[in-house]
Amino acid sequence: MPPEADRNEQEREEASSASLHWRALEGLYASAPVNQLFRSELHIEREGVSRIVFDVTPESFHAAGAAHGTIYFKMLDDAAFYAANTLVTDRFLLTTSFNLFFSRPINGGRVTAEGRWVSGRRRVLVAEARLIDESGEEVGRGTGTFQRSRIPLSSLDGYNAGLRAAL
């Protein structure tokens, strides 16, 4: 077989393996008990990028009638976290720091959190995320640092369920 054919086959196998990892991460997200409190869905389509679509409802409002800051943090942290974890296939990551910037209130509706890996692959990974409201306006952004934990992804039921569903 020509070297080019070998390289193409290897690239297909790596893409397939990565796609299985991404589906497993989506399963992990869906299995987290905290996500029962927030109607949301994680989508991973390529390495270093994640998207979470969620509905902001009055149950998450503060006393002045807009989304509480916990919603901003939760979705920004999750989007950045999962963007970073696409690059780590063996361990669950932990958030070690996260900085937020609130630019506009969220008064309800569908919001998308877009996460993007920025740097790092070994010990510490850096990722950022932004929140986009229904009208396409950015309403918040954040940057986080994440490090590998001692928890194997393969030991987590939600990860394995996502993997099984993808096979």
Foldseek 3Di string as FASTA:
>chain_A
DDPVVVVVVVVVVVVVVLVLQQLLVQLVVVPDPVCVVWPKGKDDDDAFKIKIKTWDDQVQDDPVQFGDCVVVCVLFVVGQLSNLCSLPRWFRKDWPDKDKDFAATHNIGMKMKMKGWDDDRAAKTKIKIWIAHPVRDTGMIMITIIGGDPHTSVVDPSSVVSSVVVD
